[in-house]
N, C-alpha and C. Protein backbone atom coordinates (compact mmCIF):
# COMPACT_ATOMS: atom_id res chain seq x y z
N MET A 1 -32.10 2.60 11.19
CA MET A 1 -31.18 3.28 10.31
C MET A 1 -31.38 2.72 8.90
N ASN A 2 -31.35 3.58 7.90
CA ASN A 2 -31.55 3.12 6.53
C ASN A 2 -30.24 2.59 5.93
N ILE A 3 -30.33 2.00 4.75
CA ILE A 3 -29.18 1.33 4.14
C ILE A 3 -28.07 2.32 3.79
N LYS A 4 -28.45 3.52 3.36
CA LYS A 4 -27.44 4.50 2.98
C LYS A 4 -26.59 4.89 4.19
N LYS A 5 -27.24 5.16 5.32
CA LYS A 5 -26.51 5.53 6.53
C LYS A 5 -25.66 4.37 7.05
N ALA A 6 -26.20 3.17 6.98
CA ALA A 6 -25.45 1.99 7.42
C ALA A 6 -24.21 1.79 6.55
N ALA A 7 -24.37 1.96 5.26
CA ALA A 7 -23.23 1.81 4.34
C ALA A 7 -22.17 2.87 4.63
N GLU A 8 -22.60 4.11 4.81
CA GLU A 8 -21.65 5.19 5.11
C GLU A 8 -20.93 4.96 6.43
N MET A 9 -21.66 4.43 7.41
CA MET A 9 -21.09 4.19 8.73
C MET A 9 -19.87 3.28 8.66
N PHE A 10 -19.92 2.29 7.76
CA PHE A 10 -18.84 1.31 7.68
C PHE A 10 -18.02 1.44 6.39
N ASP A 11 -18.20 2.54 5.69
CA ASP A 11 -17.46 2.81 4.46
C ASP A 11 -17.63 1.66 3.46
N LEU A 12 -18.87 1.27 3.28
CA LEU A 12 -19.22 0.24 2.31
C LEU A 12 -20.24 0.84 1.34
N THR A 13 -20.48 0.15 0.27
CA THR A 13 -21.52 0.61 -0.64
C THR A 13 -22.85 -0.05 -0.27
N THR A 14 -23.92 0.57 -0.71
CA THR A 14 -25.23 -0.04 -0.48
C THR A 14 -25.32 -1.37 -1.23
N ASP A 15 -24.66 -1.45 -2.38
CA ASP A 15 -24.64 -2.70 -3.14
C ASP A 15 -23.97 -3.81 -2.34
N THR A 16 -22.90 -3.48 -1.62
CA THR A 16 -22.21 -4.48 -0.80
C THR A 16 -23.12 -4.98 0.30
N LEU A 17 -23.84 -4.07 0.96
CA LEU A 17 -24.76 -4.49 2.02
C LEU A 17 -25.88 -5.37 1.46
N ARG A 18 -26.41 -5.02 0.31
CA ARG A 18 -27.44 -5.85 -0.31
C ARG A 18 -26.88 -7.24 -0.65
N TYR A 19 -25.66 -7.24 -1.19
CA TYR A 19 -25.00 -8.50 -1.53
C TYR A 19 -24.79 -9.36 -0.27
N TYR A 20 -24.25 -8.75 0.77
CA TYR A 20 -24.02 -9.49 2.02
C TYR A 20 -25.31 -10.14 2.52
N GLU A 21 -26.40 -9.40 2.43
CA GLU A 21 -27.68 -9.95 2.89
C GLU A 21 -28.18 -11.04 1.93
N ARG A 22 -28.06 -10.79 0.63
CA ARG A 22 -28.57 -11.74 -0.37
C ARG A 22 -27.87 -13.09 -0.29
N VAL A 23 -26.53 -13.09 -0.11
CA VAL A 23 -25.80 -14.36 -0.08
C VAL A 23 -25.73 -14.97 1.31
N GLY A 24 -26.11 -14.21 2.33
CA GLY A 24 -26.14 -14.75 3.68
C GLY A 24 -24.94 -14.44 4.54
N VAL A 25 -24.14 -13.45 4.16
CA VAL A 25 -23.02 -13.04 5.01
C VAL A 25 -23.55 -12.40 6.29
N ILE A 26 -24.66 -11.69 6.15
CA ILE A 26 -25.36 -11.14 7.32
C ILE A 26 -26.79 -11.69 7.29
N PRO A 27 -27.39 -11.85 8.46
CA PRO A 27 -28.78 -12.34 8.48
C PRO A 27 -29.71 -11.34 7.80
N PRO A 28 -30.90 -11.81 7.40
CA PRO A 28 -31.87 -10.91 6.76
C PRO A 28 -32.18 -9.70 7.65
N VAL A 29 -32.25 -8.54 7.01
CA VAL A 29 -32.53 -7.29 7.71
C VAL A 29 -34.04 -7.02 7.65
N HIS A 30 -34.59 -6.60 8.79
CA HIS A 30 -36.02 -6.28 8.87
C HIS A 30 -36.34 -5.15 7.90
N ARG A 31 -37.51 -5.24 7.31
CA ARG A 31 -37.98 -4.18 6.41
C ARG A 31 -39.23 -3.54 6.99
N ASN A 32 -39.33 -2.23 6.77
CA ASN A 32 -40.51 -1.52 7.28
C ASN A 32 -41.70 -1.76 6.35
N SER A 33 -42.81 -1.13 6.66
CA SER A 33 -44.05 -1.36 5.88
C SER A 33 -43.91 -0.91 4.43
N SER A 34 -42.96 -0.04 4.15
CA SER A 34 -42.72 0.40 2.77
C SER A 34 -41.73 -0.51 2.04
N GLY A 35 -41.18 -1.48 2.75
CA GLY A 35 -40.24 -2.41 2.13
C GLY A 35 -38.79 -2.00 2.24
N TYR A 36 -38.52 -0.88 2.91
CA TYR A 36 -37.14 -0.43 3.07
C TYR A 36 -36.48 -1.13 4.26
N ARG A 37 -35.20 -1.43 4.10
CA ARG A 37 -34.46 -2.06 5.20
C ARG A 37 -34.31 -1.08 6.36
N GLU A 38 -34.47 -1.61 7.56
CA GLU A 38 -34.26 -0.83 8.79
C GLU A 38 -33.20 -1.56 9.61
N TYR A 39 -32.00 -1.03 9.63
CA TYR A 39 -30.88 -1.67 10.32
C TYR A 39 -30.93 -1.38 11.81
N THR A 40 -30.86 -2.45 12.59
CA THR A 40 -30.83 -2.34 14.05
C THR A 40 -29.37 -2.41 14.50
N ILE A 41 -29.15 -2.23 15.77
CA ILE A 41 -27.80 -2.35 16.33
C ILE A 41 -27.25 -3.75 16.05
N SER A 42 -28.09 -4.75 16.18
CA SER A 42 -27.66 -6.12 15.90
C SER A 42 -27.21 -6.26 14.44
N ASP A 43 -27.98 -5.68 13.52
CA ASP A 43 -27.61 -5.71 12.10
C ASP A 43 -26.27 -5.01 11.88
N LEU A 44 -26.10 -3.86 12.52
CA LEU A 44 -24.86 -3.10 12.38
C LEU A 44 -23.68 -3.88 12.95
N ASN A 45 -23.91 -4.61 14.04
CA ASN A 45 -22.85 -5.47 14.58
C ASN A 45 -22.45 -6.54 13.57
N TRP A 46 -23.44 -7.12 12.91
CA TRP A 46 -23.15 -8.13 11.89
C TRP A 46 -22.33 -7.53 10.74
N ILE A 47 -22.70 -6.34 10.32
CA ILE A 47 -21.97 -5.68 9.23
C ILE A 47 -20.54 -5.41 9.66
N TYR A 48 -20.38 -4.89 10.86
CA TYR A 48 -19.03 -4.59 11.37
C TYR A 48 -18.19 -5.87 11.45
N LEU A 49 -18.78 -6.93 11.97
CA LEU A 49 -18.08 -8.20 12.08
C LEU A 49 -17.71 -8.73 10.69
N ALA A 50 -18.66 -8.70 9.77
CA ALA A 50 -18.40 -9.19 8.42
C ALA A 50 -17.29 -8.39 7.75
N LYS A 51 -17.34 -7.08 7.85
CA LYS A 51 -16.32 -6.25 7.23
C LYS A 51 -14.95 -6.52 7.86
N SER A 52 -14.90 -6.61 9.17
CA SER A 52 -13.63 -6.85 9.86
C SER A 52 -13.04 -8.20 9.47
N LEU A 53 -13.88 -9.22 9.46
CA LEU A 53 -13.39 -10.56 9.12
C LEU A 53 -12.99 -10.65 7.65
N ARG A 54 -13.72 -9.99 6.78
CA ARG A 54 -13.33 -9.96 5.35
C ARG A 54 -11.99 -9.26 5.19
N ASN A 55 -11.81 -8.14 5.89
CA ASN A 55 -10.54 -7.41 5.81
C ASN A 55 -9.38 -8.25 6.32
N ALA A 56 -9.67 -9.16 7.24
CA ALA A 56 -8.63 -10.03 7.79
C ALA A 56 -8.41 -11.26 6.92
N GLY A 57 -9.22 -11.41 5.88
CA GLY A 57 -9.01 -12.51 4.95
C GLY A 57 -9.97 -13.67 5.04
N LEU A 58 -10.97 -13.59 5.90
CA LEU A 58 -11.94 -14.68 6.00
C LEU A 58 -12.75 -14.72 4.70
N SER A 59 -12.98 -15.90 4.19
CA SER A 59 -13.70 -16.05 2.93
C SER A 59 -15.19 -15.73 3.12
N VAL A 60 -15.81 -15.37 2.03
CA VAL A 60 -17.25 -15.12 2.04
C VAL A 60 -17.98 -16.39 2.45
N GLU A 61 -17.49 -17.54 1.98
CA GLU A 61 -18.11 -18.81 2.32
C GLU A 61 -18.09 -19.07 3.84
N SER A 62 -16.97 -18.75 4.48
CA SER A 62 -16.88 -18.92 5.93
C SER A 62 -17.82 -17.97 6.66
N LEU A 63 -17.94 -16.75 6.15
CA LEU A 63 -18.87 -15.80 6.75
C LEU A 63 -20.31 -16.28 6.61
N ILE A 64 -20.62 -16.84 5.48
CA ILE A 64 -21.97 -17.36 5.27
C ILE A 64 -22.23 -18.51 6.24
N GLU A 65 -21.26 -19.39 6.39
CA GLU A 65 -21.41 -20.51 7.34
C GLU A 65 -21.62 -19.98 8.76
N PHE A 66 -20.85 -18.97 9.14
CA PHE A 66 -20.97 -18.38 10.47
C PHE A 66 -22.36 -17.78 10.67
N ALA A 67 -22.85 -17.02 9.68
CA ALA A 67 -24.17 -16.40 9.78
C ALA A 67 -25.28 -17.45 9.77
N ASP A 68 -25.11 -18.48 8.95
CA ASP A 68 -26.10 -19.57 8.93
C ASP A 68 -26.21 -20.23 10.30
N LEU A 69 -25.08 -20.47 10.92
CA LEU A 69 -25.08 -21.09 12.24
C LEU A 69 -25.82 -20.22 13.26
N ALA A 70 -25.66 -18.91 13.14
CA ALA A 70 -26.31 -17.99 14.08
C ALA A 70 -27.83 -18.09 13.99
N GLN A 71 -28.32 -18.48 12.82
CA GLN A 71 -29.76 -18.58 12.64
C GLN A 71 -30.31 -19.97 13.01
N LEU A 72 -29.43 -20.87 13.41
CA LEU A 72 -29.83 -22.23 13.77
C LEU A 72 -29.64 -22.46 15.27
N ARG A 73 -30.01 -21.52 16.06
CA ARG A 73 -29.77 -21.58 17.51
C ARG A 73 -30.31 -22.84 18.18
N GLU A 74 -31.36 -23.44 17.60
CA GLU A 74 -31.93 -24.61 18.25
C GLU A 74 -31.07 -25.86 18.05
N THR A 75 -30.13 -25.82 17.10
CA THR A 75 -29.27 -26.97 16.83
C THR A 75 -28.16 -27.04 17.86
N GLN A 76 -27.84 -28.25 18.28
CA GLN A 76 -26.77 -28.43 19.25
C GLN A 76 -25.43 -28.01 18.65
N ASN A 77 -24.57 -27.56 19.50
CA ASN A 77 -23.18 -27.22 19.16
C ASN A 77 -23.03 -26.07 18.17
N VAL A 78 -24.07 -25.28 17.96
CA VAL A 78 -23.97 -24.14 17.06
C VAL A 78 -22.93 -23.16 17.59
N GLU A 79 -23.03 -22.84 18.87
CA GLU A 79 -22.09 -21.88 19.45
C GLU A 79 -20.66 -22.38 19.33
N GLU A 80 -20.46 -23.67 19.54
CA GLU A 80 -19.12 -24.25 19.45
C GLU A 80 -18.60 -24.19 18.01
N ALA A 81 -19.49 -24.44 17.05
CA ALA A 81 -19.10 -24.37 15.64
C ALA A 81 -18.73 -22.94 15.25
N GLN A 82 -19.52 -21.98 15.72
CA GLN A 82 -19.20 -20.57 15.44
C GLN A 82 -17.87 -20.19 16.07
N LYS A 83 -17.69 -20.60 17.31
CA LYS A 83 -16.45 -20.29 18.02
C LYS A 83 -15.25 -20.90 17.29
N GLN A 84 -15.43 -22.10 16.75
CA GLN A 84 -14.34 -22.76 16.02
C GLN A 84 -13.99 -22.00 14.75
N ILE A 85 -15.00 -21.48 14.05
CA ILE A 85 -14.74 -20.67 12.85
C ILE A 85 -13.89 -19.46 13.24
N LEU A 86 -14.26 -18.80 14.33
CA LEU A 86 -13.49 -17.64 14.78
C LEU A 86 -12.09 -18.03 15.22
N ALA A 87 -11.97 -19.15 15.93
CA ALA A 87 -10.65 -19.61 16.38
C ALA A 87 -9.76 -19.97 15.19
N ASP A 88 -10.33 -20.62 14.19
CA ASP A 88 -9.57 -20.95 12.99
C ASP A 88 -9.09 -19.69 12.29
N GLN A 89 -9.96 -18.68 12.22
CA GLN A 89 -9.58 -17.43 11.58
C GLN A 89 -8.49 -16.73 12.37
N LEU A 90 -8.57 -16.76 13.69
CA LEU A 90 -7.54 -16.15 14.52
C LEU A 90 -6.20 -16.83 14.30
N GLU A 91 -6.21 -18.14 14.22
CA GLU A 91 -4.97 -18.89 13.99
C GLU A 91 -4.37 -18.53 12.63
N GLU A 92 -5.23 -18.47 11.62
CA GLU A 92 -4.77 -18.11 10.28
C GLU A 92 -4.21 -16.69 10.26
N LEU A 93 -4.87 -15.79 10.93
CA LEU A 93 -4.42 -14.41 11.00
C LEU A 93 -3.08 -14.30 11.74
N ASP A 94 -2.93 -15.06 12.82
CA ASP A 94 -1.66 -15.08 13.54
C ASP A 94 -0.53 -15.56 12.65
N GLN A 95 -0.80 -16.58 11.82
CA GLN A 95 0.22 -17.08 10.90
C GLN A 95 0.59 -16.02 9.86
N LYS A 96 -0.42 -15.36 9.33
CA LYS A 96 -0.17 -14.30 8.34
C LYS A 96 0.64 -13.17 8.97
N MET A 97 0.30 -12.82 10.20
CA MET A 97 1.02 -11.74 10.88
C MET A 97 2.47 -12.13 11.13
N ALA A 98 2.72 -13.39 11.47
CA ALA A 98 4.09 -13.86 11.68
C ALA A 98 4.87 -13.79 10.37
N GLU A 99 4.22 -14.20 9.27
CA GLU A 99 4.87 -14.12 7.96
C GLU A 99 5.16 -12.66 7.60
N MET A 100 4.20 -11.80 7.85
CA MET A 100 4.40 -10.38 7.55
C MET A 100 5.51 -9.79 8.41
N GLN A 101 5.60 -10.21 9.67
CA GLN A 101 6.66 -9.73 10.55
C GLN A 101 8.03 -10.17 10.01
N ASP A 102 8.12 -11.40 9.53
CA ASP A 102 9.37 -11.88 8.94
C ASP A 102 9.76 -11.04 7.73
N VAL A 103 8.79 -10.76 6.87
CA VAL A 103 9.06 -9.95 5.68
C VAL A 103 9.44 -8.53 6.09
N ARG A 104 8.78 -8.00 7.11
CA ARG A 104 9.11 -6.67 7.59
C ARG A 104 10.55 -6.61 8.10
N GLU A 105 10.93 -7.62 8.85
CA GLU A 105 12.31 -7.66 9.37
C GLU A 105 13.32 -7.76 8.24
N MET A 106 13.01 -8.55 7.20
CA MET A 106 13.91 -8.66 6.06
C MET A 106 14.02 -7.33 5.34
N LEU A 107 12.89 -6.64 5.15
CA LEU A 107 12.93 -5.33 4.49
C LEU A 107 13.72 -4.31 5.32
N ALA A 108 13.50 -4.32 6.62
CA ALA A 108 14.26 -3.41 7.50
C ALA A 108 15.75 -3.71 7.39
N TYR A 109 16.10 -4.99 7.37
CA TYR A 109 17.50 -5.39 7.24
C TYR A 109 18.07 -4.90 5.91
N LYS A 110 17.32 -5.08 4.82
CA LYS A 110 17.79 -4.65 3.50
C LYS A 110 17.99 -3.13 3.46
N ILE A 111 17.10 -2.40 4.08
CA ILE A 111 17.24 -0.94 4.12
C ILE A 111 18.47 -0.55 4.94
N GLU A 112 18.63 -1.19 6.11
CA GLU A 112 19.78 -0.88 6.98
C GLU A 112 21.11 -1.19 6.32
N THR A 113 21.18 -2.24 5.52
CA THR A 113 22.45 -2.68 4.93
C THR A 113 22.61 -2.27 3.47
N TYR A 114 21.64 -1.57 2.93
CA TYR A 114 21.64 -1.25 1.50
C TYR A 114 22.89 -0.49 1.07
N ASP A 115 23.18 0.60 1.74
CA ASP A 115 24.34 1.42 1.35
C ASP A 115 25.63 0.63 1.44
N ASP A 116 25.78 -0.17 2.48
CA ASP A 116 26.98 -0.99 2.65
C ASP A 116 27.10 -2.01 1.51
N HIS A 117 25.99 -2.66 1.16
CA HIS A 117 26.02 -3.64 0.08
C HIS A 117 26.38 -2.98 -1.25
N ILE A 118 25.79 -1.85 -1.53
CA ILE A 118 26.09 -1.15 -2.79
C ILE A 118 27.57 -0.77 -2.83
N ALA A 119 28.08 -0.26 -1.71
CA ALA A 119 29.50 0.11 -1.65
C ALA A 119 30.39 -1.11 -1.89
N LYS A 120 30.04 -2.25 -1.32
CA LYS A 120 30.83 -3.48 -1.52
C LYS A 120 30.76 -3.95 -2.97
N PHE A 121 29.59 -3.83 -3.60
CA PHE A 121 29.49 -4.19 -5.02
C PHE A 121 30.37 -3.27 -5.86
N LYS A 122 30.30 -1.98 -5.59
CA LYS A 122 31.09 -1.02 -6.36
C LYS A 122 32.58 -1.21 -6.15
N ALA A 123 32.97 -1.64 -4.95
CA ALA A 123 34.39 -1.85 -4.64
C ALA A 123 34.87 -3.22 -5.12
N GLY A 124 33.95 -4.04 -5.62
CA GLY A 124 34.32 -5.37 -6.09
C GLY A 124 34.44 -6.40 -4.97
N GLU A 125 34.10 -6.01 -3.75
CA GLU A 125 34.18 -6.94 -2.62
C GLU A 125 33.03 -7.94 -2.64
N MET A 126 31.97 -7.61 -3.35
CA MET A 126 30.80 -8.48 -3.42
C MET A 126 30.45 -8.62 -4.90
N THR A 127 30.25 -9.84 -5.34
CA THR A 127 29.87 -10.10 -6.72
C THR A 127 28.56 -10.89 -6.73
N PRO A 128 27.90 -10.95 -7.88
CA PRO A 128 26.63 -11.67 -7.93
C PRO A 128 26.73 -13.13 -7.47
N ASP A 129 27.89 -13.75 -7.64
CA ASP A 129 28.03 -15.14 -7.18
C ASP A 129 28.60 -15.23 -5.77
N LYS A 130 28.91 -14.08 -5.18
CA LYS A 130 29.47 -14.06 -3.82
C LYS A 130 28.67 -13.04 -2.98
N VAL A 131 27.44 -13.45 -2.67
CA VAL A 131 26.55 -12.60 -1.87
C VAL A 131 25.96 -13.43 -0.74
N GLU A 132 25.41 -12.73 0.22
CA GLU A 132 24.79 -13.45 1.34
C GLU A 132 23.52 -14.15 0.89
N LYS A 133 23.14 -15.16 1.62
CA LYS A 133 21.90 -15.88 1.37
C LYS A 133 20.88 -15.32 2.36
N LEU A 134 19.97 -14.52 1.85
CA LEU A 134 19.00 -13.84 2.72
C LEU A 134 18.21 -14.82 3.58
N TRP A 135 17.88 -15.96 3.03
CA TRP A 135 17.08 -16.93 3.77
C TRP A 135 17.85 -17.54 4.93
N GLU A 136 19.17 -17.36 4.94
CA GLU A 136 19.99 -17.91 6.04
C GLU A 136 20.43 -16.83 7.03
N ARG A 137 20.04 -15.60 6.85
CA ARG A 137 20.55 -14.52 7.68
C ARG A 137 20.15 -14.64 9.13
N LYS A 138 19.07 -15.30 9.45
CA LYS A 138 18.63 -15.45 10.84
C LYS A 138 19.33 -16.60 11.55
N LYS A 139 19.92 -17.49 10.78
CA LYS A 139 20.50 -18.70 11.37
C LYS A 139 21.84 -18.43 12.02
């Protein structure tokens, strides 16, 4: 598959794919006799993985480290190091998701209680110095 089709497949630009290869986010892609990149299923898997991990917040540096490790198969503990990078990213993503869930719950609470709060402010039952402490609402 050529670079244009690979880029379209993952909704990326050809410049992004060239960049990923140049900096080492994905391993070098085989080129045909004319010098054009020919993406294999393995290459496409790397692109998919890189895009997914970037979307989840993994740094370019971590992706480069992961790809570099993949090319050092003869070194001991490469698989373990790669697995640890993925495990660390999963843990970080779980933390972000928990934080986002907390924010979502707070927003849902604010929407549910909005009309009541506005009515209390208008009625004088609630003043700027006499309001709930949002950070304590779960306690």
